[in-house]
């Protein structure tokens, strides 16, 4: 079985779940825990039950981690007294809960990961037209992420971003290395275009899924 096989493996640096039939809640404690010290790359999209407790165990146990994607996480999974130890993490792509009162605790942990270059947050939403814009602004504590000075790519999946001029100004000033944003800003069209041009004039490419390529070229 997997547990017996893992005993004969050299220290693992990469873990990628390729089968949807694998339970991460079983694999994590019994198979990969002995490799926590050396794991650098973890890709979990295919794990059918990659829930917050498993993700939290990884983030608090893998000091060499550079990349993680897949799984879900919410504030109830996080113990603020147990910090994430993966301080060298460069890519974070874990699905998070969308509720405002839950985000600051997750962001406080992310803010310690000052080597992050790519931040992808997949947000659970209801299907259109029931889905609302993702609260991801200064009123929700976005400034907590100010320490992420190396951040180059930001992607929000599953919903539109709720941003205004103050958020755009803050992003430009606070993340000097940011070069691309993937997501839709939910404002009226005229304001969207103004904010888009402001981002581009600051060297930030903003990909918006609500327009086609020809319209994008025309706006630039």
Protein backbone atom coordinates (compact mmCIF):
# COMPACT_ATOMS: atom_id res chain seq x y z
CA UNK A 1 0.00 0.00 0.00
CA UNK A 2 0.98 3.68 -0.15
CA UNK A 3 2.17 3.83 3.44
CA UNK A 4 4.48 0.83 3.05
CA UNK A 5 5.76 2.15 -0.28
CA UNK A 6 6.56 5.56 1.20
CA UNK A 7 8.94 3.98 3.71
CA UNK A 8 11.22 2.92 0.88
CA UNK A 9 11.23 6.28 -0.89
CA UNK A 10 14.09 8.76 -0.61
CA UNK A 11 13.11 12.16 0.82
CA UNK A 12 10.47 13.59 -1.53
CA UNK A 13 10.64 17.11 -2.93
CA UNK A 14 7.55 16.94 -5.16
CA UNK A 15 4.02 15.65 -4.52
CA UNK A 16 1.42 15.76 -7.29
CA UNK A 17 -1.92 14.00 -6.87
CA UNK A 18 -2.96 12.74 -10.32
CA UNK A 19 -5.89 10.50 -9.40
CA UNK A 20 -9.27 11.76 -8.23
CA UNK A 21 -9.61 8.55 -6.21
CA UNK A 22 -6.87 9.46 -3.74
CA UNK A 23 -7.94 10.73 -0.33
CA UNK A 24 -5.52 13.36 0.88
CA UNK A 25 -6.95 13.18 4.39
CA UNK A 26 -5.59 9.62 4.50
CA UNK A 27 -2.40 10.22 2.55
CA UNK A 28 -1.27 13.29 4.51
CA UNK A 29 -0.76 11.79 8.00
CA UNK A 30 0.14 8.25 7.00
CA UNK A 31 2.24 8.65 3.87
CA UNK A 32 3.81 12.05 3.33
CA UNK A 33 4.31 13.32 6.89
CA UNK A 34 7.79 11.80 6.99
CA UNK A 35 8.64 13.89 3.92
CA UNK A 36 7.39 17.22 5.28
CA UNK A 37 10.91 18.52 5.88
CA UNK A 38 11.94 18.16 2.22
CA UNK A 39 8.74 18.78 0.22
CA UNK A 40 9.04 21.82 -2.05
CA UNK A 41 6.28 21.39 -4.65
CA UNK A 42 2.73 20.22 -3.86
CA UNK A 43 -0.08 20.09 -6.43
CA UNK A 44 -3.39 18.85 -5.07
CA UNK A 45 -6.14 19.77 -7.55
CA UNK A 46 -7.00 16.12 -8.19
CA UNK A 47 -7.34 15.18 -4.51
CA UNK A 48 -11.10 14.79 -4.04
CA UNK A 49 -11.16 15.67 -0.34
CA UNK A 50 -8.30 18.12 0.08
CA UNK A 51 -9.93 20.03 2.92
CA UNK A 52 -8.67 22.80 5.16
CA UNK A 53 -7.24 20.63 7.96
CA UNK A 54 -4.97 18.80 5.50
CA UNK A 55 -3.85 22.05 3.87
CA UNK A 56 -3.22 23.60 7.28
CA UNK A 57 -1.06 20.63 8.30
CA UNK A 58 1.03 21.08 5.16
CA UNK A 59 1.44 24.84 5.60
CA UNK A 60 2.49 24.45 9.24
CA UNK A 61 4.79 21.46 8.67
CA UNK A 62 6.70 21.97 5.40
CA UNK A 63 9.46 24.57 5.90
CA UNK A 64 11.00 23.95 2.45
CA UNK A 65 7.75 24.43 0.51
CA UNK A 66 7.99 26.68 -2.55
CA UNK A 67 4.73 25.90 -4.39
CA UNK A 68 1.26 24.76 -3.36
CA UNK A 69 -1.95 24.60 -5.38
CA UNK A 70 -5.33 22.97 -4.86
CA UNK A 71 -7.39 22.29 -1.78
CA UNK A 72 -9.56 24.58 0.31
CA UNK A 73 -8.98 26.67 3.40
CA UNK A 74 -11.10 28.79 5.74
CA UNK A 75 -10.46 30.61 8.99
CA UNK A 76 -11.78 27.74 11.12
CA UNK A 77 -8.88 25.63 9.85
CA UNK A 78 -6.26 28.12 11.03
CA UNK A 79 -4.83 28.33 14.53
CA UNK A 80 -3.31 31.83 14.85
CA UNK A 81 -0.98 30.44 17.51
CA UNK A 82 0.51 28.00 14.97
CA UNK A 83 2.11 30.03 12.17
CA UNK A 84 2.76 28.73 8.69
CA UNK A 85 6.40 27.65 8.46
CA UNK A 86 6.77 27.76 4.66
CA UNK A 87 8.41 31.20 4.69
CA UNK A 88 10.09 30.53 1.34
CA UNK A 89 6.78 29.89 -0.46
CA UNK A 90 6.69 31.49 -3.91
CA UNK A 91 3.27 30.36 -5.21
CA UNK A 92 0.04 30.05 -3.22
CA UNK A 93 -2.99 28.70 -5.06
CA UNK A 94 -5.47 27.41 -2.48
CA UNK A 95 -9.23 27.93 -2.65
CA UNK A 96 -10.43 30.13 0.21
CA UNK A 97 -13.79 31.01 1.67
CA UNK A 98 -15.27 34.27 0.48
CA UNK A 99 -16.70 35.61 3.73
CA UNK A 100 -15.35 38.95 4.93
CA UNK A 101 -14.96 37.94 8.56
CA UNK A 102 -12.77 35.00 7.53
CA UNK A 103 -10.31 36.66 5.20
CA UNK A 104 -8.15 38.69 7.58
CA UNK A 105 -6.91 35.61 9.43
CA UNK A 106 -5.87 33.94 6.18
CA UNK A 107 -4.30 37.15 4.88
CA UNK A 108 -2.34 37.60 8.11
CA UNK A 109 -0.69 34.23 7.50
CA UNK A 110 -0.09 35.06 3.82
CA UNK A 111 1.51 38.39 4.76
CA UNK A 112 4.34 36.52 6.49
CA UNK A 113 5.24 34.78 3.22
CA UNK A 114 7.28 37.67 1.89
CA UNK A 115 8.85 35.62 -0.92
CA UNK A 116 5.48 35.10 -2.64
CA UNK A 117 5.69 35.92 -6.34
CA UNK A 118 2.36 34.44 -7.43
CA UNK A 119 -0.89 34.52 -5.47
CA UNK A 120 -3.90 32.66 -6.88
CA UNK A 121 -6.99 32.65 -4.71
CA UNK A 122 -9.89 30.54 -5.93
CA UNK A 123 -13.11 31.63 -4.30
CA UNK A 124 -16.20 29.51 -3.73
CA UNK A 125 -19.19 31.26 -5.31
CA UNK A 126 -22.71 30.55 -6.42
CA UNK A 127 -23.25 30.37 -10.19
CA UNK A 128 -24.32 33.56 -12.02
CA UNK A 129 -26.50 35.50 -11.66
CA UNK A 130 -26.51 34.66 -7.94
CA UNK A 131 -22.78 35.20 -7.40
CA UNK A 132 -21.62 38.49 -5.92
CA UNK A 133 -18.29 40.24 -6.38
CA UNK A 134 -15.46 38.97 -4.22
CA UNK A 135 -14.73 41.32 -1.30
CA UNK A 136 -11.03 41.89 -1.88
CA UNK A 137 -10.49 45.56 -1.03
CA UNK A 138 -9.10 47.90 1.60
CA UNK A 139 -12.34 47.76 3.57
CA UNK A 140 -11.80 44.00 3.95
CA UNK A 141 -8.18 44.34 5.08
CA UNK A 142 -6.29 44.16 1.80
CA UNK A 143 -3.56 46.33 3.33
CA UNK A 144 -2.59 43.34 5.49
CA UNK A 145 -0.86 41.99 2.36
CA UNK A 146 1.40 45.04 2.01
CA UNK A 147 4.55 43.03 2.97
CA UNK A 148 4.28 40.99 -0.26
CA UNK A 149 6.71 43.28 -2.11
CA UNK A 150 7.86 40.49 -4.46
CA UNK A 151 4.35 39.73 -5.71
CA UNK A 152 4.38 39.68 -9.52
CA UNK A 153 1.13 37.87 -10.40
CA UNK A 154 -2.29 38.03 -8.78
CA UNK A 155 -5.20 35.87 -9.90
CA UNK A 156 -8.71 35.65 -8.48
CA UNK A 157 -10.82 32.72 -9.67
CA UNK A 158 -14.53 32.11 -9.36
CA UNK A 159 -15.86 35.65 -9.00
CA UNK A 160 -15.25 39.24 -10.01
CA UNK A 161 -13.12 41.59 -7.93
CA UNK A 162 -14.81 44.43 -6.09
CA UNK A 163 -12.25 47.22 -6.50
CA UNK A 164 -12.42 50.99 -6.65
CA UNK A 165 -9.89 53.71 -7.36
CA UNK A 166 -8.43 53.55 -3.85
CA UNK A 167 -7.60 49.84 -4.29
CA UNK A 168 -5.91 50.45 -7.64
CA UNK A 169 -3.82 53.27 -6.16
CA UNK A 170 -2.86 51.09 -3.19
CA UNK A 171 -1.84 48.13 -5.39
CA UNK A 172 0.39 50.33 -7.54
CA UNK A 173 2.12 51.81 -4.50
CA UNK A 174 2.33 48.71 -2.31
CA UNK A 175 3.31 45.98 -4.80
CA UNK A 176 6.12 47.50 -6.90
CA UNK A 177 6.90 44.23 -8.71
CA UNK A 178 3.32 43.42 -9.71
CA UNK A 179 3.15 42.86 -13.46
CA UNK A 180 -0.16 41.05 -14.03
CA UNK A 181 -3.63 40.76 -12.55
CA UNK A 182 -6.10 38.15 -13.74
CA UNK A 183 -9.71 38.82 -12.87
CA UNK A 184 -12.70 41.05 -13.46
CA UNK A 185 -13.17 44.32 -11.60
CA UNK A 186 -16.88 44.80 -11.08
CA UNK A 187 -17.45 48.51 -11.65
CA UNK A 188 -19.34 50.33 -14.37
CA UNK A 189 -17.65 50.06 -17.77
CA UNK A 190 -16.35 53.64 -17.89
CA UNK A 191 -14.59 53.31 -14.55
CA UNK A 192 -13.25 49.89 -15.48
CA UNK A 193 -11.53 51.32 -18.54
CA UNK A 194 -10.03 54.22 -16.56
CA UNK A 195 -8.68 51.89 -13.89
CA UNK A 196 -7.40 49.48 -16.52
CA UNK A 197 -5.41 52.22 -18.24
CA UNK A 198 -4.02 53.36 -14.91
CA UNK A 199 -2.80 49.86 -14.14
CA UNK A 200 -1.24 49.49 -17.58
CA UNK A 201 0.49 52.86 -17.37
CA UNK A 202 2.12 51.56 -14.18
CA UNK A 203 3.41 48.44 -15.96
CA UNK A 204 0.67 46.11 -14.72
CA UNK A 205 -1.03 43.95 -17.33
CA UNK A 206 -4.66 43.45 -16.39
CA UNK A 207 -6.46 40.58 -18.11
CA UNK A 208 -10.22 41.01 -17.96
CA UNK A 209 -12.35 38.04 -19.06
CA UNK A 210 -15.38 40.14 -20.02
CA UNK A 211 -13.87 41.51 -23.26
CA UNK A 212 -12.45 39.90 -26.37
CA UNK A 213 -8.96 40.31 -27.80
CA UNK A 214 -9.90 42.92 -30.42
CA UNK A 215 -11.47 45.19 -27.82
CA UNK A 216 -8.37 44.77 -25.64
CA UNK A 217 -6.11 45.87 -28.52
CA UNK A 218 -8.36 48.87 -29.19
CA UNK A 219 -8.21 49.99 -25.55
CA UNK A 220 -4.40 49.90 -25.66
